[in-house]
Amino acid sequence: MNIKEGSIPTALGAVVTTAGLISRQKAKKSLAWGVVGF
C-alpha cells in the first residue's frame, strides 16, 4: 500500500478541526478554538 507523504497529517488535521468546531458549543470557547487551530 502506497500512502503519499502528507496525507496522514492532512487527514488527521481535518478530523481534529471538525472535532474542534463541533465542541465549540460544549467546551470552553478558547479551548475549542485552540483545537481548531491545531
PDB file of all heavy atoms in Angstrom:
ATOM      1  N   MET A   1       0.848  -1.169   0.000  1.00  0.00           N
ATOM      2  CA  MET A   1       0.000   0.000   0.000  1.00  0.00           C
ATOM      3  C   MET A   1       0.897   1.237   0.000  1.00  0.00           C
ATOM      4  O   MET A   1       1.805   1.352   0.811  1.00  0.00           O
ATOM      5  CB  MET A   1      -0.886  -0.031   1.232  1.00  0.00           C
ATOM      6  CG  MET A   1      -1.926   1.016   1.233  1.00  0.00           C
ATOM      7  SD  MET A   1      -3.222   0.541   2.368  1.00  0.00           S
ATOM      8  CE  MET A   1      -3.352   1.978   3.330  1.00  0.00           C
ATOM      9  N   ASN A   2       0.622   2.135  -0.893  1.00  0.00           N
ATOM     10  CA  ASN A   2       1.449   3.318  -1.052  1.00  0.00           C
ATOM     11  C   ASN A   2       0.664   4.556  -0.613  1.00  0.00           C
ATOM     12  O   ASN A   2      -0.273   4.982  -1.278  1.00  0.00           O
ATOM     13  CB  ASN A   2       1.879   3.449  -2.518  1.00  0.00           C
ATOM     14  CG  ASN A   2       2.898   4.525  -2.725  1.00  0.00           C
ATOM     15  OD1 ASN A   2       3.464   5.034  -1.774  1.00  0.00           O
ATOM     16  ND2 ASN A   2       3.127   4.868  -3.968  1.00  0.00           N
ATOM     17  N   ILE A   3       1.064   5.125   0.523  1.00  0.00           N
ATOM     18  CA  ILE A   3       0.422   6.334   1.037  1.00  0.00           C
ATOM     19  C   ILE A   3       1.390   7.488   0.839  1.00  0.00           C
ATOM     20  O   ILE A   3       2.543   7.419   1.268  1.00  0.00           O
ATOM     21  CB  ILE A   3       0.064   6.178   2.523  1.00  0.00           C
ATOM     22  CG1 ILE A   3      -0.932   5.042   2.706  1.00  0.00           C
ATOM     23  CG2 ILE A   3      -0.505   7.478   3.065  1.00  0.00           C
ATOM     24  CD1 ILE A   3      -1.252   4.741   4.150  1.00  0.00           C
ATOM     25  N   LYS A   4       0.940   8.526   0.187  1.00  0.00           N
ATOM     26  CA  LYS A   4       1.806   9.685  -0.062  1.00  0.00           C
ATOM     27  C   LYS A   4       2.097  10.417   1.243  1.00  0.00           C
ATOM     28  O   LYS A   4       1.246  10.499   2.128  1.00  0.00           O
ATOM     29  CB  LYS A   4       1.131  10.646  -1.034  1.00  0.00           C
ATOM     30  CG  LYS A   4       1.099  10.142  -2.443  1.00  0.00           C
ATOM     31  CD  LYS A   4       0.685  11.261  -3.356  1.00  0.00           C
ATOM     32  CE  LYS A   4       1.318  11.026  -4.686  1.00  0.00           C
ATOM     33  NZ  LYS A   4       1.394  12.207  -5.488  1.00  0.00           N
ATOM     34  N   GLU A   5       3.317  10.962   1.312  1.00  0.00           N
ATOM     35  CA  GLU A   5       3.689  11.750   2.481  1.00  0.00           C
ATOM     36  C   GLU A   5       2.803  12.976   2.566  1.00  0.00           C
ATOM     37  O   GLU A   5       2.552  13.642   1.570  1.00  0.00           O
ATOM     38  CB  GLU A   5       5.148  12.182   2.380  1.00  0.00           C
ATOM     39  CG  GLU A   5       6.120  11.139   2.820  1.00  0.00           C
ATOM     40  CD  GLU A   5       7.513  11.694   2.986  1.00  0.00           C
ATOM     41  OE1 GLU A   5       7.688  12.632   3.785  1.00  0.00           O
ATOM     42  OE2 GLU A   5       8.389  11.182   2.298  1.00  0.00           O
ATOM     43  N   GLY A   6       2.340  13.267   3.745  1.00  0.00           N
ATOM     44  CA  GLY A   6       1.484  14.420   3.963  1.00  0.00           C
ATOM     45  C   GLY A   6       0.010  14.080   4.009  1.00  0.00           C
ATOM     46  O   GLY A   6      -0.786  14.879   4.486  1.00  0.00           O
ATOM     47  N   SER A   7      -0.364  12.894   3.537  1.00  0.00           N
ATOM     48  CA  SER A   7      -1.776  12.516   3.530  1.00  0.00           C
ATOM     49  C   SER A   7      -2.302  12.274   4.940  1.00  0.00           C
ATOM     50  O   SER A   7      -3.416  12.701   5.272  1.00  0.00           O
ATOM     51  CB  SER A   7      -1.986  11.254   2.699  1.00  0.00           C
ATOM     52  OG  SER A   7      -1.614  11.476   1.373  1.00  0.00           O
ATOM     53  N   ILE A   8      -1.503  11.600   5.762  1.00  0.00           N
ATOM     54  CA  ILE A   8      -1.956  11.277   7.117  1.00  0.00           C
ATOM     55  C   ILE A   8      -2.091  12.538   7.973  1.00  0.00           C
ATOM     56  O   ILE A   8      -3.130  12.721   8.624  1.00  0.00           O
ATOM     57  CB  ILE A   8      -1.036  10.226   7.754  1.00  0.00           C
ATOM     58  CG1 ILE A   8      -1.196   8.903   6.995  1.00  0.00           C
ATOM     59  CG2 ILE A   8      -1.355  10.039   9.231  1.00  0.00           C
ATOM     60  CD1 ILE A   8      -0.242   7.825   7.407  1.00  0.00           C
ATOM     61  N   PRO A   9      -1.093  13.435   8.003  1.00  0.00           N
ATOM     62  CA  PRO A   9      -1.287  14.659   8.800  1.00  0.00           C
ATOM     63  C   PRO A   9      -2.449  15.519   8.298  1.00  0.00           C
ATOM     64  O   PRO A   9      -3.150  16.143   9.097  1.00  0.00           O
ATOM     65  CB  PRO A   9       0.036  15.416   8.660  1.00  0.00           C
ATOM     66  CG  PRO A   9       1.028  14.418   8.237  1.00  0.00           C
ATOM     67  CD  PRO A   9       0.274  13.371   7.486  1.00  0.00           C
ATOM     68  N   THR A  10      -2.664  15.542   6.990  1.00  0.00           N
ATOM     69  CA  THR A  10      -3.767  16.329   6.444  1.00  0.00           C
ATOM     70  C   THR A  10      -5.111  15.740   6.867  1.00  0.00           C
ATOM     71  O   THR A  10      -6.015  16.477   7.281  1.00  0.00           O
ATOM     72  CB  THR A  10      -3.666  16.400   4.910  1.00  0.00           C
ATOM     73  OG1 THR A  10      -2.384  16.918   4.558  1.00  0.00           O
ATOM     74  CG2 THR A  10      -4.744  17.284   4.332  1.00  0.00           C
ATOM     75  N   ALA A  11      -5.245  14.425   6.792  1.00  0.00           N
ATOM     76  CA  ALA A  11      -6.487  13.770   7.212  1.00  0.00           C
ATOM     77  C   ALA A  11      -6.698  13.934   8.717  1.00  0.00           C
ATOM     78  O   ALA A  11      -7.821  14.212   9.171  1.00  0.00           O
ATOM     79  CB  ALA A  11      -6.454  12.298   6.832  1.00  0.00           C
ATOM     80  N   LEU A  12      -5.636  13.785   9.488  1.00  0.00           N
ATOM     81  CA  LEU A  12      -5.727  13.972  10.933  1.00  0.00           C
ATOM     82  C   LEU A  12      -6.138  15.405  11.257  1.00  0.00           C
ATOM     83  O   LEU A  12      -6.979  15.634  12.136  1.00  0.00           O
ATOM     84  CB  LEU A  12      -4.391  13.649  11.588  1.00  0.00           C
ATOM     85  CG  LEU A  12      -4.298  13.871  13.091  1.00  0.00           C
ATOM     86  CD1 LEU A  12      -5.195  12.888  13.821  1.00  0.00           C
ATOM     87  CD2 LEU A  12      -2.870  13.739  13.555  1.00  0.00           C
ATOM     88  N   GLY A  13      -5.576  16.362  10.541  1.00  0.00           N
ATOM     89  CA  GLY A  13      -5.940  17.756  10.753  1.00  0.00           C
ATOM     90  C   GLY A  13      -7.402  18.032  10.451  1.00  0.00           C
ATOM     91  O   GLY A  13      -8.053  18.802  11.150  1.00  0.00           O
ATOM     92  N   ALA A  14      -7.923  17.378   9.419  1.00  0.00           N
ATOM     93  CA  ALA A  14      -9.344  17.555   9.090  1.00  0.00           C
ATOM     94  C   ALA A  14     -10.234  17.005  10.204  1.00  0.00           C
ATOM     95  O   ALA A  14     -11.236  17.635  10.581  1.00  0.00           O
ATOM     96  CB  ALA A  14      -9.658  16.865   7.769  1.00  0.00           C
ATOM     97  N   VAL A  15      -9.856  15.865  10.750  1.00  0.00           N
ATOM     98  CA  VAL A  15     -10.638  15.269  11.844  1.00  0.00           C
ATOM     99  C   VAL A  15     -10.573  16.142  13.090  1.00  0.00           C
ATOM    100  O   VAL A  15     -11.600  16.399  13.739  1.00  0.00           O
ATOM    101  CB  VAL A  15     -10.135  13.835  12.141  1.00  0.00           C
ATOM    102  CG1 VAL A  15     -10.757  13.280  13.401  1.00  0.00           C
ATOM    103  CG2 VAL A  15     -10.409  12.919  10.968  1.00  0.00           C
ATOM    104  N   VAL A  16      -9.381  16.623  13.440  1.00  0.00           N
ATOM    105  CA  VAL A  16      -9.215  17.454  14.637  1.00  0.00           C
ATOM    106  C   VAL A  16      -9.936  18.787  14.471  1.00  0.00           C
ATOM    107  O   VAL A  16     -10.583  19.264  15.408  1.00  0.00           O
ATOM    108  CB  VAL A  16      -7.712  17.658  14.938  1.00  0.00           C
ATOM    109  CG1 VAL A  16      -7.506  18.683  16.037  1.00  0.00           C
ATOM    110  CG2 VAL A  16      -7.067  16.338  15.315  1.00  0.00           C
ATOM    111  N   THR A  17      -9.867  19.374  13.285  1.00  0.00           N
ATOM    112  CA  THR A  17     -10.573  20.636  13.039  1.00  0.00           C
ATOM    113  C   THR A  17     -12.077  20.454  13.184  1.00  0.00           C
ATOM    114  O   THR A  17     -12.755  21.266  13.816  1.00  0.00           O
ATOM    115  CB  THR A  17     -10.240  21.173  11.631  1.00  0.00           C
ATOM    116  OG1 THR A  17      -8.832  21.351  11.538  1.00  0.00           O
ATOM    117  CG2 THR A  17     -10.933  22.484  11.369  1.00  0.00           C
ATOM    118  N   THR A  18     -12.585  19.376  12.621  1.00  0.00           N
ATOM    119  CA  THR A  18     -14.017  19.094  12.740  1.00  0.00           C
ATOM    120  C   THR A  18     -14.419  18.882  14.190  1.00  0.00           C
ATOM    121  O   THR A  18     -15.449  19.405  14.643  1.00  0.00           O
ATOM    122  CB  THR A  18     -14.387  17.854  11.898  1.00  0.00           C
ATOM    123  OG1 THR A  18     -13.994  18.090  10.544  1.00  0.00           O
ATOM    124  CG2 THR A  18     -15.864  17.579  11.956  1.00  0.00           C
ATOM    125  N   ALA A  19     -13.607  18.142  14.931  1.00  0.00           N
ATOM    126  CA  ALA A  19     -13.907  17.917  16.349  1.00  0.00           C
ATOM    127  C   ALA A  19     -13.901  19.228  17.126  1.00  0.00           C
ATOM    128  O   ALA A  19     -14.751  19.445  18.001  1.00  0.00           O
ATOM    129  CB  ALA A  19     -12.893  16.943  16.941  1.00  0.00           C
ATOM    130  N   GLY A  20     -12.962  20.102  16.815  1.00  0.00           N
ATOM    131  CA  GLY A  20     -12.917  21.402  17.485  1.00  0.00           C
ATOM    132  C   GLY A  20     -14.123  22.261  17.167  1.00  0.00           C
ATOM    133  O   GLY A  20     -14.664  22.933  18.047  1.00  0.00           O
ATOM    134  N   LEU A  21     -14.562  22.223  15.913  1.00  0.00           N
ATOM    135  CA  LEU A  21     -15.743  23.012  15.541  1.00  0.00           C
ATOM    136  C   LEU A  21     -17.007  22.469  16.190  1.00  0.00           C
ATOM    137  O   LEU A  21     -17.883  23.238  16.589  1.00  0.00           O
ATOM    138  CB  LEU A  21     -15.885  23.033  14.014  1.00  0.00           C
ATOM    139  CG  LEU A  21     -14.835  23.852  13.268  1.00  0.00           C
ATOM    140  CD1 LEU A  21     -14.980  23.654  11.766  1.00  0.00           C
ATOM    141  CD2 LEU A  21     -14.939  25.320  13.632  1.00  0.00           C
ATOM    142  N   ILE A  22     -17.095  21.161  16.314  1.00  0.00           N
ATOM    143  CA  ILE A  22     -18.263  20.564  16.967  1.00  0.00           C
ATOM    144  C   ILE A  22     -18.273  20.875  18.462  1.00  0.00           C
ATOM    145  O   ILE A  22     -19.322  21.116  19.053  1.00  0.00           O
ATOM    146  CB  ILE A  22     -18.293  19.038  16.708  1.00  0.00           C
ATOM    147  CG1 ILE A  22     -18.597  18.781  15.241  1.00  0.00           C
ATOM    148  CG2 ILE A  22     -19.302  18.341  17.609  1.00  0.00           C
ATOM    149  CD1 ILE A  22     -18.448  17.334  14.820  1.00  0.00           C
ATOM    150  N   SER A  23     -17.093  20.874  19.085  1.00  0.00           N
ATOM    151  CA  SER A  23     -17.018  21.060  20.540  1.00  0.00           C
ATOM    152  C   SER A  23     -17.147  22.518  20.975  1.00  0.00           C
ATOM    153  O   SER A  23     -17.138  22.792  22.173  1.00  0.00           O
ATOM    154  CB  SER A  23     -15.705  20.481  21.067  1.00  0.00           C
ATOM    155  OG  SER A  23     -14.616  21.252  20.634  1.00  0.00           O
ATOM    156  N   ARG A  24     -17.269  23.438  20.044  1.00  0.00           N
ATOM    157  CA  ARG A  24     -17.394  24.857  20.412  1.00  0.00           C
ATOM    158  C   ARG A  24     -18.588  25.102  21.317  1.00  0.00           C
ATOM    159  O   ARG A  24     -18.555  25.990  22.162  1.00  0.00           O
ATOM    160  CB  ARG A  24     -17.536  25.734  19.174  1.00  0.00           C
ATOM    161  CG  ARG A  24     -16.267  25.982  18.437  1.00  0.00           C
ATOM    162  CD  ARG A  24     -16.480  26.946  17.308  1.00  0.00           C
ATOM    163  NE  ARG A  24     -17.532  26.429  16.438  1.00  0.00           N
ATOM    164  CZ  ARG A  24     -18.281  27.169  15.650  1.00  0.00           C
ATOM    165  NH1 ARG A  24     -18.107  28.447  15.590  1.00  0.00           N
ATOM    166  NH2 ARG A  24     -19.198  26.613  14.887  1.00  0.00           N
ATOM    167  N   GLN A  25     -19.647  24.344  21.158  1.00  0.00           N
ATOM    168  CA  GLN A  25     -20.860  24.591  21.916  1.00  0.00           C
ATOM    169  C   GLN A  25     -20.813  23.974  23.309  1.00  0.00           C
ATOM    170  O   GLN A  25     -21.499  24.426  24.210  1.00  0.00           O
ATOM    171  CB  GLN A  25     -22.058  24.052  21.152  1.00  0.00           C
ATOM    172  CG  GLN A  25     -22.224  24.737  19.813  1.00  0.00           C
ATOM    173  CD  GLN A  25     -23.092  23.951  18.854  1.00  0.00           C
ATOM    174  OE1 GLN A  25     -23.551  22.873  19.184  1.00  0.00           O
ATOM    175  NE2 GLN A  25     -23.287  24.476  17.665  1.00  0.00           N
ATOM    176  N   LYS A  26     -19.983  22.927  23.492  1.00  0.00           N
ATOM    177  CA  LYS A  26     -19.974  22.215  24.761  1.00  0.00           C
ATOM    178  C   LYS A  26     -18.771  22.559  25.631  1.00  0.00           C
ATOM    179  O   LYS A  26     -18.869  22.533  26.846  1.00  0.00           O
ATOM    180  CB  LYS A  26     -19.990  20.711  24.503  1.00  0.00           C
ATOM    181  CG  LYS A  26     -21.241  20.255  23.803  1.00  0.00           C
ATOM    182  CD  LYS A  26     -21.195  18.779  23.511  1.00  0.00           C
ATOM    183  CE  LYS A  26     -22.434  18.377  22.717  1.00  0.00           C
ATOM    184  NZ  LYS A  26     -22.385  17.006  22.285  1.00  0.00           N
ATOM    185  N   ALA A  27     -17.645  22.850  25.035  1.00  0.00           N
ATOM    186  CA  ALA A  27     -16.420  23.113  25.791  1.00  0.00           C
ATOM    187  C   ALA A  27     -16.168  24.617  25.884  1.00  0.00           C
ATOM    188  O   ALA A  27     -16.914  25.423  25.323  1.00  0.00           O
ATOM    189  CB  ALA A  27     -15.243  22.421  25.104  1.00  0.00           C
ATOM    190  N   LYS A  28     -15.104  24.964  26.595  1.00  0.00           N
ATOM    191  CA  LYS A  28     -14.703  26.378  26.638  1.00  0.00           C
ATOM    192  C   LYS A  28     -14.368  26.835  25.231  1.00  0.00           C
ATOM    193  O   LYS A  28     -13.735  26.117  24.467  1.00  0.00           O
ATOM    194  CB  LYS A  28     -13.466  26.539  27.511  1.00  0.00           C
ATOM    195  CG  LYS A  28     -13.714  26.469  28.970  1.00  0.00           C
ATOM    196  CD  LYS A  28     -12.411  26.770  29.691  1.00  0.00           C
ATOM    197  CE  LYS A  28     -12.631  26.981  31.157  1.00  0.00           C
ATOM    198  NZ  LYS A  28     -11.372  27.315  31.824  1.00  0.00           N
ATOM    199  N   LYS A  29     -14.761  28.044  24.907  1.00  0.00           N
ATOM    200  CA  LYS A  29     -14.531  28.553  23.552  1.00  0.00           C
ATOM    201  C   LYS A  29     -13.046  28.650  23.225  1.00  0.00           C
ATOM    202  O   LYS A  29     -12.630  28.313  22.124  1.00  0.00           O
ATOM    203  CB  LYS A  29     -15.196  29.912  23.393  1.00  0.00           C
ATOM    204  CG  LYS A  29     -16.697  29.849  23.509  1.00  0.00           C
ATOM    205  CD  LYS A  29     -17.337  30.452  22.319  1.00  0.00           C
ATOM    206  CE  LYS A  29     -18.825  30.452  22.556  1.00  0.00           C
ATOM    207  NZ  LYS A  29     -19.540  29.802  21.528  1.00  0.00           N
ATOM    208  N   SER A  30     -12.228  29.086  24.175  1.00  0.00           N
ATOM    209  CA  SER A  30     -10.798  29.229  23.886  1.00  0.00           C
ATOM    210  C   SER A  30     -10.145  27.869  23.648  1.00  0.00           C
ATOM    211  O   SER A  30      -9.281  27.738  22.774  1.00  0.00           O
ATOM    212  CB  SER A  30     -10.087  29.963  25.025  1.00  0.00           C
ATOM    213  OG  SER A  30     -10.216  29.255  26.239  1.00  0.00           O
ATOM    214  N   LEU A  31     -10.554  26.860  24.384  1.00  0.00           N
ATOM    215  CA  LEU A  31     -10.018  25.517  24.177  1.00  0.00           C
ATOM    216  C   LEU A  31     -10.464  24.959  22.829  1.00  0.00           C
ATOM    217  O   LEU A  31      -9.658  24.382  22.086  1.00  0.00           O
ATOM    218  CB  LEU A  31     -10.466  24.580  25.300  1.00  0.00           C
ATOM    219  CG  LEU A  31     -10.023  23.126  25.180  1.00  0.00           C
ATOM    220  CD1 LEU A  31      -8.512  23.028  25.248  1.00  0.00           C
ATOM    221  CD2 LEU A  31     -10.666  22.289  26.253  1.00  0.00           C
ATOM    222  N   ALA A  32     -11.714  25.164  22.486  1.00  0.00           N
ATOM    223  CA  ALA A  32     -12.228  24.665  21.209  1.00  0.00           C
ATOM    224  C   ALA A  32     -11.517  25.339  20.038  1.00  0.00           C
ATOM    225  O   ALA A  32     -11.136  24.670  19.069  1.00  0.00           O
ATOM    226  CB  ALA A  32     -13.737  24.908  21.120  1.00  0.00           C
ATOM    227  N   TRP A  33     -11.309  26.643  20.125  1.00  0.00           N
ATOM    228  CA  TRP A  33     -10.602  27.338  19.042  1.00  0.00           C
ATOM    229  C   TRP A  33      -9.131  26.932  18.986  1.00  0.00           C
ATOM    230  O   TRP A  33      -8.530  26.919  17.918  1.00  0.00           O
ATOM    231  CB  TRP A  33     -10.751  28.848  19.169  1.00  0.00           C
ATOM    232  CG  TRP A  33     -12.100  29.310  18.731  1.00  0.00           C
ATOM    233  CD1 TRP A  33     -13.060  29.878  19.513  1.00  0.00           C
ATOM    234  CD2 TRP A  33     -12.662  29.218  17.419  1.00  0.00           C
ATOM    235  NE1 TRP A  33     -14.173  30.147  18.763  1.00  0.00           N
ATOM    236  CE2 TRP A  33     -13.963  29.749  17.472  1.00  0.00           C
ATOM    237  CE3 TRP A  33     -12.199  28.730  16.205  1.00  0.00           C
ATOM    238  CZ2 TRP A  33     -14.797  29.818  16.357  1.00  0.00           C
ATOM    239  CZ3 TRP A  33     -13.035  28.795  15.092  1.00  0.00           C
ATOM    240  CH2 TRP A  33     -14.313  29.331  15.180  1.00  0.00           C
ATOM    241  N   GLY A  34      -8.551  26.577  20.126  1.00  0.00           N
ATOM    242  CA  GLY A  34      -7.188  26.057  20.134  1.00  0.00           C
ATOM    243  C   GLY A  34      -7.090  24.735  19.397  1.00  0.00           C
ATOM    244  O   GLY A  34      -6.140  24.489  18.641  1.00  0.00           O
ATOM    245  N   VAL A  35      -8.085  23.872  19.602  1.00  0.00           N
ATOM    246  CA  VAL A  35      -8.132  22.587  18.896  1.00  0.00           C
ATOM    247  C   VAL A  35      -8.313  22.822  17.399  1.00  0.00           C
ATOM    248  O   VAL A  35      -7.672  22.158  16.574  1.00  0.00           O
ATOM    249  CB  VAL A  35      -9.259  21.693  19.471  1.00  0.00           C
ATOM    250  CG1 VAL A  35      -9.467  20.453  18.634  1.00  0.00           C
ATOM    251  CG2 VAL A  35      -8.943  21.310  20.906  1.00  0.00           C
ATOM    252  N   VAL A  36      -9.156  23.762  17.037  1.00  0.00           N
ATOM    253  CA  VAL A  36      -9.356  24.094  15.621  1.00  0.00           C
ATOM    254  C   VAL A  36      -8.047  24.592  15.006  1.00  0.00           C
ATOM    255  O   VAL A  36      -7.662  24.175  13.906  1.00  0.00           O
ATOM    256  CB  VAL A  36     -10.475  25.149  15.446  1.00  0.00           C
ATOM    257  CG1 VAL A  36     -10.516  25.679  14.020  1.00  0.00           C
ATOM    258  CG2 VAL A  36     -11.822  24.564  15.832  1.00  0.00           C
ATOM    259  N   GLY A  37      -7.343  25.461  15.710  1.00  0.00           N
ATOM    260  CA  GLY A  37      -6.067  25.966  15.213  1.00  0.00           C
ATOM    261  C   GLY A  37      -5.035  24.863  15.062  1.00  0.00           C
ATOM    262  O   GLY A  37      -4.275  24.831  14.084  1.00  0.00           O
ATOM    263  N   PHE A  38      -5.007  23.946  16.007  1.00  0.00           N
ATOM    264  CA  PHE A  38      -4.087  22.812  15.938  1.00  0.00           C
ATOM    265  C   PHE A  38      -4.400  21.951  14.713  1.00  0.00           C
ATOM    266  O   PHE A  38      -3.497  21.524  13.986  1.00  0.00           O
ATOM    267  CB  PHE A  38      -4.221  21.992  17.226  1.00  0.00           C
ATOM    268  CG  PHE A  38      -3.205  20.912  17.383  1.00  0.00           C
ATOM    269  CD1 PHE A  38      -1.895  21.214  17.665  1.00  0.00           C
ATOM    270  CD2 PHE A  38      -3.580  19.585  17.273  1.00  0.00           C
ATOM    271  CE1 PHE A  38      -0.953  20.215  17.825  1.00  0.00           C
ATOM    272  CE2 PHE A  38      -2.656  18.578  17.432  1.00  0.00           C
ATOM    273  CZ  PHE A  38      -1.333  18.885  17.710  1.00  0.00           C
TER     274      PHE A  38
END
